[in-house]
Amino acid sequence: MIVTRIRSPAVVRTERATVLFADLRGYTGMAERLPAVSVVPLLDEFFRVLAVATETHGGKVFHMAGDGMMAGFGLNTEDAGGAREALAAGHAILQGFAPIAARWRSDLAIDAGVGVGLHLGDVAVGVLGPPRHRATTLVGDTVNVAARLCSRARAGEVLFSCTVATALDGAAGNASPLMGSAPFLQLPQFELRGRRGPIDIWCVPALERVAL
């Protein structure tokens, strides 16, 4: 008798969520100057800030690799979207990493910062990867836009899309203490690589640029 195990098809569901990407600025120079073994504890410290901020504000980390992270907010909740929580997490990431960046600059002569990108929309939630290495992840245009915004954000900035801005405006009457008092600036439209048309974006700028 031959028994053949048939893998059940992976279940993929669609949800509305805010995707957050965060990326370490200055990592390439840091990796060039320091021995690899010295880079590991610095990355560990960096990722710890990102994970704590994400989990504190109700998000879920889906991917950490190299010098960046992808997280999702508003999944599996009645209040789908997660825009306020994601923006609060992005702001917390900047605040949490600021003293670490100052210490790295003082002790190691390393200039580092964080850029964050947010976009709200539909995502596919599914399990991908080869056997024994499969993991739940997020897929779709929403993920791509968030990643592109992150790549355009300067060190110390959060860039977010018009869908996030609309969700925040709709929740203005329900102001959340998680939001803090971060100022938001609307920026000119710009083209995101690989997309057909420009999008409206907003920015939580670095504090030193706000002072100017």
N, C-alpha and C. Protein backbone atom coordinates (compact mmCIF):
# COMPACT_ATOMS: atom_id res chain seq x y z
N MET A 1 0.85 -1.19 0.00
CA MET A 1 0.00 0.00 0.00
C MET A 1 0.89 1.24 0.00
N ILE A 2 0.63 2.17 -0.89
CA ILE A 2 1.40 3.42 -0.97
C ILE A 2 0.51 4.55 -0.48
N VAL A 3 1.01 5.28 0.51
CA VAL A 3 0.27 6.41 1.06
C VAL A 3 0.94 7.70 0.60
N THR A 4 0.18 8.54 -0.03
CA THR A 4 0.70 9.82 -0.50
C THR A 4 0.07 10.94 0.29
N ARG A 5 0.94 11.76 0.88
CA ARG A 5 0.42 12.90 1.65
C ARG A 5 0.18 14.06 0.69
N ILE A 6 -1.04 14.55 0.72
CA ILE A 6 -1.42 15.68 -0.14
C ILE A 6 -1.50 16.94 0.72
N ARG A 7 -0.69 17.94 0.34
CA ARG A 7 -0.69 19.19 1.09
C ARG A 7 -1.98 19.97 0.83
N SER A 8 -2.64 20.37 1.90
CA SER A 8 -3.85 21.19 1.75
C SER A 8 -3.46 22.54 1.15
N PRO A 9 -4.29 23.08 0.27
CA PRO A 9 -3.96 24.38 -0.30
C PRO A 9 -3.93 25.46 0.79
N ALA A 10 -2.94 26.34 0.66
CA ALA A 10 -2.78 27.40 1.67
C ALA A 10 -3.99 28.33 1.62
N VAL A 11 -4.45 28.71 2.78
CA VAL A 11 -5.57 29.63 2.89
C VAL A 11 -5.04 31.06 2.82
N VAL A 12 -5.54 31.83 1.88
CA VAL A 12 -5.15 33.22 1.72
C VAL A 12 -6.38 34.08 1.95
N ARG A 13 -6.26 35.07 2.79
CA ARG A 13 -7.39 35.96 3.06
C ARG A 13 -6.99 37.40 2.76
N THR A 14 -7.98 38.21 2.45
CA THR A 14 -7.75 39.63 2.17
C THR A 14 -8.26 40.45 3.34
N GLU A 15 -7.42 41.38 3.80
CA GLU A 15 -7.80 42.27 4.89
C GLU A 15 -7.38 43.69 4.56
N ARG A 16 -8.03 44.63 5.23
CA ARG A 16 -7.66 46.04 5.09
C ARG A 16 -6.75 46.38 6.25
N ALA A 17 -5.58 46.89 5.95
CA ALA A 17 -4.59 47.12 7.01
C ALA A 17 -3.65 48.24 6.60
N THR A 18 -2.92 48.74 7.58
CA THR A 18 -1.85 49.69 7.32
C THR A 18 -0.52 48.96 7.44
N VAL A 19 0.27 49.05 6.39
CA VAL A 19 1.58 48.40 6.37
C VAL A 19 2.65 49.43 6.71
N LEU A 20 3.56 49.06 7.58
CA LEU A 20 4.67 49.92 7.99
C LEU A 20 5.98 49.28 7.58
N PHE A 21 6.82 50.06 6.91
CA PHE A 21 8.20 49.66 6.65
C PHE A 21 9.12 50.63 7.39
N ALA A 22 10.16 50.09 8.01
CA ALA A 22 11.18 50.92 8.66
C ALA A 22 12.54 50.42 8.21
N ASP A 23 13.44 51.37 7.96
CA ASP A 23 14.74 51.03 7.39
C ASP A 23 15.82 51.85 8.08
N LEU A 24 16.95 51.20 8.37
CA LEU A 24 18.07 51.86 9.03
C LEU A 24 18.89 52.63 8.02
N ARG A 25 19.00 53.92 8.20
CA ARG A 25 19.85 54.75 7.33
C ARG A 25 21.28 54.74 7.88
N GLY A 26 22.25 54.62 7.00
CA GLY A 26 23.65 54.60 7.40
C GLY A 26 24.20 53.20 7.63
N TYR A 27 23.38 52.18 7.33
CA TYR A 27 23.81 50.81 7.61
C TYR A 27 24.98 50.38 6.71
N THR A 28 24.94 50.77 5.43
CA THR A 28 26.00 50.35 4.51
C THR A 28 27.37 50.84 4.98
N GLY A 29 27.44 52.11 5.39
CA GLY A 29 28.70 52.65 5.89
C GLY A 29 29.12 51.99 7.20
N MET A 30 28.14 51.70 8.04
CA MET A 30 28.43 51.04 9.32
C MET A 30 29.00 49.65 9.08
N ALA A 31 28.39 48.90 8.16
CA ALA A 31 28.86 47.55 7.87
C ALA A 31 30.24 47.56 7.23
N GLU A 32 30.54 48.61 6.49
CA GLU A 32 31.86 48.71 5.86
C GLU A 32 32.96 49.00 6.89
N ARG A 33 32.64 49.84 7.87
CA ARG A 33 33.67 50.29 8.81
C ARG A 33 33.90 49.33 9.96
N LEU A 34 32.85 48.62 10.39
CA LEU A 34 32.96 47.78 11.58
C LEU A 34 33.07 46.31 11.20
N PRO A 35 33.74 45.51 12.04
CA PRO A 35 33.73 44.06 11.82
C PRO A 35 32.30 43.52 11.91
N ALA A 36 32.01 42.50 11.13
CA ALA A 36 30.65 41.97 11.10
C ALA A 36 30.16 41.57 12.48
N VAL A 37 31.06 41.02 13.30
CA VAL A 37 30.66 40.59 14.63
C VAL A 37 30.24 41.77 15.50
N SER A 38 30.75 42.97 15.20
CA SER A 38 30.38 44.16 15.96
C SER A 38 29.07 44.76 15.49
N VAL A 39 28.68 44.42 14.25
CA VAL A 39 27.44 44.96 13.71
C VAL A 39 26.23 44.26 14.30
N VAL A 40 26.38 42.98 14.63
CA VAL A 40 25.24 42.18 15.11
C VAL A 40 24.56 42.79 16.33
N PRO A 41 25.29 43.16 17.41
CA PRO A 41 24.59 43.74 18.57
C PRO A 41 23.95 45.09 18.26
N LEU A 42 24.50 45.84 17.30
CA LEU A 42 23.89 47.12 16.93
C LEU A 42 22.57 46.89 16.21
N LEU A 43 22.55 45.93 15.30
CA LEU A 43 21.29 45.60 14.63
C LEU A 43 20.26 45.05 15.60
N ASP A 44 20.73 44.25 16.56
CA ASP A 44 19.82 43.70 17.56
C ASP A 44 19.17 44.81 18.36
N GLU A 45 19.95 45.82 18.72
CA GLU A 45 19.42 46.97 19.46
C GLU A 45 18.41 47.73 18.61
N PHE A 46 18.73 47.91 17.34
CA PHE A 46 17.84 48.61 16.41
C PHE A 46 16.51 47.87 16.25
N PHE A 47 16.58 46.56 16.00
CA PHE A 47 15.37 45.79 15.79
C PHE A 47 14.52 45.70 17.06
N ARG A 48 15.17 45.75 18.22
CA ARG A 48 14.42 45.71 19.47
C ARG A 48 13.53 46.95 19.59
N VAL A 49 14.05 48.11 19.20
CA VAL A 49 13.26 49.35 19.22
C VAL A 49 12.05 49.21 18.29
N LEU A 50 12.28 48.69 17.10
CA LEU A 50 11.20 48.54 16.12
C LEU A 50 10.13 47.57 16.62
N ALA A 51 10.55 46.46 17.19
CA ALA A 51 9.60 45.45 17.65
C ALA A 51 8.77 45.95 18.82
N VAL A 52 9.42 46.61 19.76
CA VAL A 52 8.70 47.12 20.94
C VAL A 52 7.66 48.16 20.52
N ALA A 53 8.05 49.08 19.64
CA ALA A 53 7.11 50.12 19.17
C ALA A 53 5.94 49.49 18.45
N THR A 54 6.21 48.49 17.61
CA THR A 54 5.14 47.82 16.86
C THR A 54 4.16 47.12 17.79
N GLU A 55 4.69 46.33 18.72
CA GLU A 55 3.83 45.55 19.61
C GLU A 55 3.09 46.45 20.60
N THR A 56 3.74 47.51 21.06
CA THR A 56 3.09 48.44 21.99
C THR A 56 1.83 49.05 21.39
N HIS A 57 1.85 49.28 20.08
CA HIS A 57 0.72 49.94 19.42
C HIS A 57 -0.14 48.96 18.63
N GLY A 58 -0.08 47.68 19.01
CA GLY A 58 -1.02 46.70 18.49
C GLY A 58 -0.71 46.14 17.12
N GLY A 59 0.52 46.33 16.64
CA GLY A 59 0.89 45.81 15.33
C GLY A 59 1.53 44.44 15.42
N LYS A 60 1.80 43.87 14.27
CA LYS A 60 2.45 42.56 14.18
C LYS A 60 3.62 42.65 13.22
N VAL A 61 4.79 42.19 13.67
CA VAL A 61 5.97 42.15 12.82
C VAL A 61 5.87 40.93 11.91
N PHE A 62 5.99 41.16 10.60
CA PHE A 62 5.92 40.06 9.64
C PHE A 62 7.29 39.70 9.06
N HIS A 63 8.20 40.65 9.05
CA HIS A 63 9.47 40.36 8.41
C HIS A 63 10.54 41.30 8.95
N MET A 64 11.68 40.72 9.33
CA MET A 64 12.87 41.49 9.69
C MET A 64 14.04 40.87 8.93
N ALA A 65 14.76 41.70 8.19
CA ALA A 65 15.89 41.18 7.43
C ALA A 65 16.84 42.32 7.11
N GLY A 66 18.13 42.02 7.09
CA GLY A 66 19.11 43.04 6.75
C GLY A 66 19.04 44.20 7.71
N ASP A 67 18.55 45.33 7.23
CA ASP A 67 18.44 46.52 8.07
C ASP A 67 17.03 47.09 8.05
N GLY A 68 16.02 46.23 7.77
CA GLY A 68 14.66 46.74 7.68
C GLY A 68 13.61 45.81 8.27
N MET A 69 12.40 46.34 8.42
CA MET A 69 11.29 45.60 9.02
C MET A 69 10.00 45.93 8.29
N MET A 70 9.11 44.93 8.17
CA MET A 70 7.75 45.13 7.69
C MET A 70 6.78 44.71 8.78
N ALA A 71 5.81 45.56 9.08
CA ALA A 71 4.80 45.25 10.10
C ALA A 71 3.42 45.62 9.57
N GLY A 72 2.39 45.01 10.15
CA GLY A 72 1.02 45.30 9.77
C GLY A 72 0.19 45.73 10.97
N PHE A 73 -0.76 46.64 10.74
CA PHE A 73 -1.63 47.17 11.80
C PHE A 73 -3.08 47.10 11.31
N GLY A 74 -3.99 46.82 12.25
CA GLY A 74 -5.41 46.76 11.93
C GLY A 74 -5.88 45.41 11.45
N LEU A 75 -5.03 44.40 11.51
CA LEU A 75 -5.42 43.05 11.09
C LEU A 75 -6.23 42.37 12.19
N ASN A 76 -7.22 41.61 11.78
CA ASN A 76 -8.03 40.83 12.73
C ASN A 76 -8.70 41.71 13.78
N THR A 77 -9.08 42.91 13.40
CA THR A 77 -9.78 43.79 14.33
C THR A 77 -11.05 44.30 13.68
N GLU A 78 -12.00 44.68 14.51
CA GLU A 78 -13.25 45.24 13.98
C GLU A 78 -13.01 46.62 13.37
N ASP A 79 -12.10 47.39 14.00
CA ASP A 79 -11.77 48.71 13.48
C ASP A 79 -10.64 48.55 12.46
N ALA A 80 -10.98 48.01 11.30
CA ALA A 80 -9.96 47.68 10.29
C ALA A 80 -9.28 48.96 9.80
N GLY A 81 -8.03 48.83 9.52
CA GLY A 81 -7.28 49.96 8.99
C GLY A 81 -5.98 50.15 9.74
N GLY A 82 -6.08 50.45 11.03
CA GLY A 82 -4.90 50.58 11.87
C GLY A 82 -4.03 51.79 11.59
N ALA A 83 -4.59 52.83 10.94
CA ALA A 83 -3.77 53.98 10.57
C ALA A 83 -3.20 54.72 11.78
N ARG A 84 -4.06 54.99 12.77
CA ARG A 84 -3.58 55.73 13.94
C ARG A 84 -2.51 54.96 14.68
N GLU A 85 -2.73 53.66 14.83
CA GLU A 85 -1.77 52.84 15.56
C GLU A 85 -0.44 52.76 14.82
N ALA A 86 -0.51 52.64 13.49
CA ALA A 86 0.71 52.54 12.71
C ALA A 86 1.51 53.84 12.77
N LEU A 87 0.81 54.97 12.69
CA LEU A 87 1.51 56.25 12.76
C LEU A 87 2.11 56.45 14.15
N ALA A 88 1.37 56.05 15.17
CA ALA A 88 1.90 56.15 16.53
C ALA A 88 3.15 55.29 16.69
N ALA A 89 3.13 54.09 16.08
CA ALA A 89 4.30 53.21 16.14
C ALA A 89 5.47 53.83 15.40
N GLY A 90 5.20 54.42 14.24
CA GLY A 90 6.28 55.07 13.49
C GLY A 90 6.91 56.20 14.28
N HIS A 91 6.07 56.99 14.92
CA HIS A 91 6.59 58.09 15.75
C HIS A 91 7.38 57.54 16.93
N ALA A 92 6.90 56.46 17.53
CA ALA A 92 7.61 55.84 18.66
C ALA A 92 8.97 55.28 18.23
N ILE A 93 9.03 54.75 17.00
CA ILE A 93 10.30 54.25 16.48
C ILE A 93 11.32 55.38 16.39
N LEU A 94 10.91 56.52 15.86
CA LEU A 94 11.83 57.65 15.75
C LEU A 94 12.28 58.12 17.13
N GLN A 95 11.34 58.22 18.06
CA GLN A 95 11.70 58.68 19.40
C GLN A 95 12.59 57.67 20.12
N GLY A 96 12.28 56.38 19.96
CA GLY A 96 13.05 55.36 20.65
C GLY A 96 14.46 55.21 20.11
N PHE A 97 14.63 55.45 18.80
CA PHE A 97 15.96 55.27 18.22
C PHE A 97 16.84 56.50 18.38
N ALA A 98 16.26 57.66 18.60
CA ALA A 98 17.03 58.90 18.68
C ALA A 98 18.18 58.83 19.69
N PRO A 99 17.95 58.41 20.95
CA PRO A 99 19.07 58.34 21.89
C PRO A 99 20.11 57.28 21.50
N ILE A 100 19.66 56.22 20.85
CA ILE A 100 20.60 55.18 20.40
C ILE A 100 21.49 55.75 19.30
N ALA A 101 20.90 56.48 18.36
CA ALA A 101 21.67 57.09 17.29
C ALA A 101 22.69 58.08 17.85
N ALA A 102 22.29 58.84 18.88
CA ALA A 102 23.21 59.79 19.51
C ALA A 102 24.39 59.07 20.16
N ARG A 103 24.11 57.94 20.79
CA ARG A 103 25.18 57.17 21.44
C ARG A 103 26.11 56.56 20.41
N TRP A 104 25.55 56.03 19.32
CA TRP A 104 26.39 55.47 18.26
C TRP A 104 27.29 56.56 17.67
N ARG A 105 26.74 57.76 17.52
CA ARG A 105 27.52 58.86 16.96
C ARG A 105 28.67 59.25 17.90
N SER A 106 28.36 59.26 19.20
CA SER A 106 29.38 59.66 20.18
C SER A 106 30.44 58.58 20.39
N ASP A 107 30.00 57.33 20.51
CA ASP A 107 30.93 56.25 20.86
C ASP A 107 31.63 55.62 19.66
N LEU A 108 30.92 55.59 18.50
CA LEU A 108 31.45 54.85 17.35
C LEU A 108 31.65 55.72 16.11
N ALA A 109 31.32 57.01 16.21
CA ALA A 109 31.42 57.92 15.07
C ALA A 109 30.59 57.43 13.89
N ILE A 110 29.40 56.88 14.21
CA ILE A 110 28.48 56.37 13.18
C ILE A 110 27.27 57.28 13.10
N ASP A 111 26.95 57.74 11.90
CA ASP A 111 25.73 58.51 11.68
C ASP A 111 24.65 57.58 11.19
N ALA A 112 23.59 57.42 11.96
CA ALA A 112 22.50 56.50 11.61
C ALA A 112 21.17 57.15 11.91
N GLY A 113 20.15 56.71 11.23
CA GLY A 113 18.79 57.18 11.46
C GLY A 113 17.81 56.15 10.93
N VAL A 114 16.51 56.48 11.05
CA VAL A 114 15.46 55.57 10.60
C VAL A 114 14.53 56.31 9.65
N GLY A 115 14.17 55.68 8.56
CA GLY A 115 13.12 56.17 7.69
C GLY A 115 11.93 55.23 7.77
N VAL A 116 10.71 55.78 7.79
CA VAL A 116 9.50 54.97 7.95
C VAL A 116 8.50 55.33 6.86
N GLY A 117 7.85 54.32 6.30
CA GLY A 117 6.80 54.53 5.31
C GLY A 117 5.53 53.79 5.69
N LEU A 118 4.36 54.41 5.47
CA LEU A 118 3.06 53.82 5.82
C LEU A 118 2.10 53.93 4.64
N HIS A 119 1.34 52.86 4.42
CA HIS A 119 0.26 52.91 3.43
C HIS A 119 -0.86 52.00 3.88
N LEU A 120 -2.11 52.46 3.69
CA LEU A 120 -3.29 51.70 4.10
C LEU A 120 -4.01 51.20 2.85
N GLY A 121 -4.41 49.93 2.89
CA GLY A 121 -5.16 49.37 1.77
C GLY A 121 -5.38 47.88 1.97
N ASP A 122 -5.84 47.23 0.95
CA ASP A 122 -6.07 45.79 1.01
C ASP A 122 -4.76 45.03 0.88
N VAL A 123 -4.59 43.99 1.69
CA VAL A 123 -3.43 43.12 1.61
C VAL A 123 -3.90 41.68 1.60
N ALA A 124 -3.12 40.83 0.96
CA ALA A 124 -3.35 39.39 1.04
C ALA A 124 -2.47 38.85 2.16
N VAL A 125 -3.09 38.11 3.07
CA VAL A 125 -2.36 37.49 4.19
C VAL A 125 -2.26 36.00 3.90
N GLY A 126 -1.04 35.53 3.72
CA GLY A 126 -0.87 34.13 3.37
C GLY A 126 0.46 33.58 3.85
N VAL A 127 0.61 32.29 3.69
CA VAL A 127 1.84 31.60 4.10
C VAL A 127 2.66 31.28 2.86
N LEU A 128 3.91 31.74 2.84
CA LEU A 128 4.78 31.53 1.69
C LEU A 128 6.11 30.91 2.13
N GLY A 129 6.81 30.34 1.17
CA GLY A 129 8.13 29.83 1.45
C GLY A 129 8.24 28.33 1.23
N PRO A 130 9.47 27.83 1.18
CA PRO A 130 9.69 26.39 0.98
C PRO A 130 9.34 25.61 2.24
N PRO A 131 9.22 24.29 2.13
CA PRO A 131 8.92 23.47 3.32
C PRO A 131 9.91 23.75 4.44
N ARG A 132 9.39 23.75 5.66
CA ARG A 132 10.15 23.98 6.90
C ARG A 132 10.65 25.41 7.03
N HIS A 133 10.33 26.26 6.05
CA HIS A 133 10.73 27.67 6.15
C HIS A 133 9.56 28.58 5.77
N ARG A 134 8.35 28.06 5.90
CA ARG A 134 7.18 28.85 5.52
C ARG A 134 6.83 29.84 6.62
N ALA A 135 6.37 31.00 6.21
CA ALA A 135 6.04 32.04 7.19
C ALA A 135 4.87 32.86 6.67
N THR A 136 4.08 33.38 7.59
CA THR A 136 2.95 34.25 7.23
C THR A 136 3.49 35.62 6.84
N THR A 137 2.97 36.15 5.75
CA THR A 137 3.44 37.45 5.28
C THR A 137 2.30 38.22 4.63
N LEU A 138 2.57 39.45 4.23
CA LEU A 138 1.61 40.32 3.57
C LEU A 138 2.06 40.56 2.14
N VAL A 139 1.09 40.55 1.20
CA VAL A 139 1.41 40.70 -0.21
C VAL A 139 0.41 41.67 -0.84
N GLY A 140 0.88 42.45 -1.81
CA GLY A 140 -0.03 43.29 -2.57
C GLY A 140 0.53 44.69 -2.81
N ASP A 141 -0.23 45.48 -3.54
CA ASP A 141 0.18 46.84 -3.89
C ASP A 141 0.38 47.69 -2.64
N THR A 142 -0.43 47.46 -1.61
CA THR A 142 -0.29 48.22 -0.37
C THR A 142 1.10 48.04 0.22
N VAL A 143 1.60 46.83 0.17
CA VAL A 143 2.95 46.54 0.68
C VAL A 143 4.00 47.27 -0.15
N ASN A 144 3.83 47.23 -1.47
CA ASN A 144 4.80 47.87 -2.36
C ASN A 144 4.87 49.38 -2.13
N VAL A 145 3.70 50.01 -1.98
CA VAL A 145 3.67 51.46 -1.79
C VAL A 145 4.33 51.84 -0.46
N ALA A 146 4.02 51.09 0.59
CA ALA A 146 4.64 51.37 1.89
C ALA A 146 6.15 51.24 1.80
N ALA A 147 6.64 50.23 1.09
CA ALA A 147 8.08 50.05 0.93
C ALA A 147 8.70 51.21 0.16
N ARG A 148 8.02 51.67 -0.90
CA ARG A 148 8.55 52.79 -1.68
C ARG A 148 8.58 54.08 -0.85
N LEU A 149 7.53 54.30 -0.05
CA LEU A 149 7.53 55.49 0.80
C LEU A 149 8.67 55.44 1.81
N CYS A 150 8.92 54.26 2.35
CA CYS A 150 10.02 54.11 3.30
C CYS A 150 11.35 54.44 2.63
N SER A 151 11.51 54.00 1.40
CA SER A 151 12.78 54.26 0.71
C SER A 151 12.96 55.74 0.41
N ARG A 152 11.85 56.49 0.30
CA ARG A 152 11.94 57.93 0.04
C ARG A 152 12.06 58.76 1.30
N ALA A 153 11.72 58.19 2.44
CA ALA A 153 11.79 58.95 3.70
C ALA A 153 13.24 59.22 4.08
N ARG A 154 13.51 60.43 4.50
CA ARG A 154 14.84 60.75 4.99
C ARG A 154 14.98 60.27 6.43
N ALA A 155 16.19 60.22 6.92
CA ALA A 155 16.43 59.79 8.29
C ALA A 155 15.64 60.67 9.25
N GLY A 156 14.87 60.04 10.13
CA GLY A 156 14.08 60.79 11.10
C GLY A 156 12.70 61.17 10.62
N GLU A 157 12.26 60.66 9.46
CA GLU A 157 10.96 61.03 8.90
C GLU A 157 10.04 59.83 8.80
N VAL A 158 8.74 60.10 8.93
CA VAL A 158 7.69 59.15 8.58
C VAL A 158 6.93 59.72 7.38
N LEU A 159 6.90 59.00 6.28
CA LEU A 159 6.08 59.38 5.14
C LEU A 159 4.85 58.48 5.11
N PHE A 160 3.67 59.08 4.91
CA PHE A 160 2.46 58.26 4.80
C PHE A 160 1.59 58.75 3.66
N SER A 161 0.77 57.85 3.16
CA SER A 161 0.01 58.08 1.93
C SER A 161 -1.32 58.76 2.21
N CYS A 162 -2.02 59.08 1.09
CA CYS A 162 -3.32 59.73 1.18
C CYS A 162 -4.36 58.83 1.87
N THR A 163 -4.24 57.51 1.73
CA THR A 163 -5.21 56.63 2.39
C THR A 163 -5.05 56.67 3.90
N VAL A 164 -3.81 56.77 4.35
CA VAL A 164 -3.57 56.92 5.80
C VAL A 164 -4.10 58.27 6.26
N ALA A 165 -3.82 59.33 5.49
CA ALA A 165 -4.29 60.67 5.87
C ALA A 165 -5.81 60.73 5.95
N THR A 166 -6.49 60.09 5.01
CA THR A 166 -7.96 60.07 5.01
C THR A 166 -8.48 59.35 6.25
N ALA A 167 -7.85 58.22 6.60
CA ALA A 167 -8.28 57.48 7.80
C ALA A 167 -8.06 58.30 9.05
N LEU A 168 -6.95 59.01 9.12
CA LEU A 168 -6.67 59.85 10.29
C LEU A 168 -7.67 61.00 10.38
N ASP A 169 -8.01 61.59 9.24
CA ASP A 169 -8.97 62.68 9.21
C ASP A 169 -10.35 62.19 9.65
N GLY A 170 -10.72 60.98 9.23
CA GLY A 170 -12.01 60.43 9.62
C GLY A 170 -12.09 60.11 11.09
N ALA A 171 -10.94 59.89 11.72
CA ALA A 171 -10.91 59.56 13.15
C ALA A 171 -10.56 60.77 14.00
N ALA A 172 -10.56 61.96 13.39
CA ALA A 172 -10.13 63.15 14.12
C ALA A 172 -10.96 63.41 15.36
N GLY A 173 -12.25 63.06 15.30
CA GLY A 173 -13.10 63.27 16.46
C GLY A 173 -12.82 62.30 17.58
N ASN A 174 -12.09 61.26 17.29
CA ASN A 174 -11.73 60.25 18.27
C ASN A 174 -10.24 60.28 18.51
N ALA A 175 -9.68 61.43 18.76
CA ALA A 175 -8.23 61.57 18.90
C ALA A 175 -7.68 60.58 19.91
N SER A 176 -6.62 59.93 19.52
CA SER A 176 -6.03 58.90 20.38
C SER A 176 -4.81 59.44 21.08
N PRO A 177 -4.61 59.14 22.37
CA PRO A 177 -3.42 59.59 23.06
C PRO A 177 -2.16 58.97 22.46
N LEU A 178 -2.32 57.89 21.67
CA LEU A 178 -1.16 57.29 21.05
C LEU A 178 -0.53 58.19 20.01
N MET A 179 -1.30 59.12 19.50
CA MET A 179 -0.83 59.95 18.41
C MET A 179 0.20 60.96 18.86
N GLY A 180 0.14 61.40 20.12
CA GLY A 180 1.06 62.43 20.57
C GLY A 180 0.75 63.74 19.88
N SER A 181 1.74 64.61 19.81
CA SER A 181 1.52 65.93 19.21
C SER A 181 2.40 66.13 17.99
N ALA A 182 2.72 65.06 17.28
CA ALA A 182 3.59 65.17 16.12
C ALA A 182 2.92 66.00 15.02
N PRO A 183 3.64 66.99 14.46
CA PRO A 183 3.07 67.78 13.37
C PRO A 183 3.11 67.00 12.07
N PHE A 184 2.09 67.23 11.21
CA PHE A 184 2.06 66.56 9.91
C PHE A 184 2.14 67.62 8.83
N LEU A 185 2.93 67.35 7.80
CA LEU A 185 3.07 68.28 6.69
C LEU A 185 2.67 67.56 5.40
N GLN A 186 1.81 68.21 4.58
CA GLN A 186 1.53 67.64 3.28
C GLN A 186 2.63 68.03 2.32
N LEU A 187 3.13 67.07 1.56
CA LEU A 187 4.20 67.30 0.61
C LEU A 187 3.65 67.32 -0.81
N PRO A 188 4.41 67.86 -1.76
CA PRO A 188 3.97 67.80 -3.16
C PRO A 188 3.84 66.36 -3.62
N GLN A 189 2.96 66.14 -4.59
CA GLN A 189 2.83 64.80 -5.15
C GLN A 189 4.17 64.34 -5.74
N PHE A 190 4.41 63.05 -5.67
CA PHE A 190 5.55 62.54 -6.41
C PHE A 190 5.29 61.13 -6.91
N GLU A 191 6.09 60.77 -7.89
CA GLU A 191 5.96 59.46 -8.52
C GLU A 191 6.69 58.42 -7.68
N LEU A 192 6.05 57.29 -7.49
CA LEU A 192 6.70 56.16 -6.84
C LEU A 192 7.14 55.18 -7.92
N ARG A 193 8.37 54.75 -7.85
CA ARG A 193 8.94 53.88 -8.87
C ARG A 193 8.05 52.64 -9.08
N GLY A 194 7.71 52.39 -10.34
CA GLY A 194 6.92 51.22 -10.69
C GLY A 194 5.42 51.46 -10.71
N ARG A 195 4.96 52.64 -10.27
CA ARG A 195 3.52 52.93 -10.28
C ARG A 195 3.19 53.88 -11.41
N ARG A 196 1.93 53.82 -11.88
CA ARG A 196 1.55 54.55 -13.08
C ARG A 196 1.38 56.04 -12.85
N GLY A 197 0.94 56.45 -11.65
CA GLY A 197 0.69 57.86 -11.44
C GLY A 197 1.21 58.33 -10.10
N PRO A 198 1.31 59.65 -9.90
CA PRO A 198 1.79 60.18 -8.62
C PRO A 198 0.75 60.01 -7.53
N ILE A 199 1.18 60.07 -6.27
CA ILE A 199 0.26 59.99 -5.14
C ILE A 199 0.50 61.15 -4.20
N ASP A 200 -0.54 61.48 -3.43
CA ASP A 200 -0.41 62.50 -2.39
C ASP A 200 0.24 61.86 -1.18
N ILE A 201 1.16 62.58 -0.56
CA ILE A 201 1.83 62.04 0.62
C ILE A 201 1.91 63.11 1.70
N TRP A 202 2.03 62.63 2.93
CA TRP A 202 2.21 63.48 4.10
C TRP A 202 3.48 63.04 4.84
N CYS A 203 3.95 63.90 5.71
CA CYS A 203 5.21 63.62 6.38
C CYS A 203 5.13 64.02 7.85
N VAL A 204 5.68 63.15 8.71
CA VAL A 204 6.03 63.55 10.08
C VAL A 204 7.52 63.84 10.02
N PRO A 205 7.91 65.13 9.96
CA PRO A 205 9.31 65.45 9.71
C PRO A 205 10.17 65.29 10.96
N ALA A 206 11.48 65.20 10.73
CA ALA A 206 12.42 65.17 11.84
C ALA A 206 12.29 66.45 12.65
N LEU A 207 12.45 66.35 13.96
CA LEU A 207 12.23 67.50 14.85
C LEU A 207 13.15 68.67 14.51
N GLU A 208 14.40 68.38 14.10
CA GLU A 208 15.29 69.49 13.80
C GLU A 208 14.83 70.28 12.58
N ARG A 209 14.12 69.61 11.64
CA ARG A 209 13.61 70.33 10.48
C ARG A 209 12.35 71.11 10.83
N VAL A 210 11.58 70.61 11.81
CA VAL A 210 10.41 71.37 12.28
C VAL A 210 10.85 72.68 12.92
N ALA A 211 11.96 72.62 13.69
CA ALA A 211 12.47 73.80 14.36
C ALA A 211 12.87 74.88 13.38
N LEU A 212 13.34 74.45 12.19
CA LEU A 212 13.72 75.42 11.16
C LEU A 212 12.48 76.13 10.60
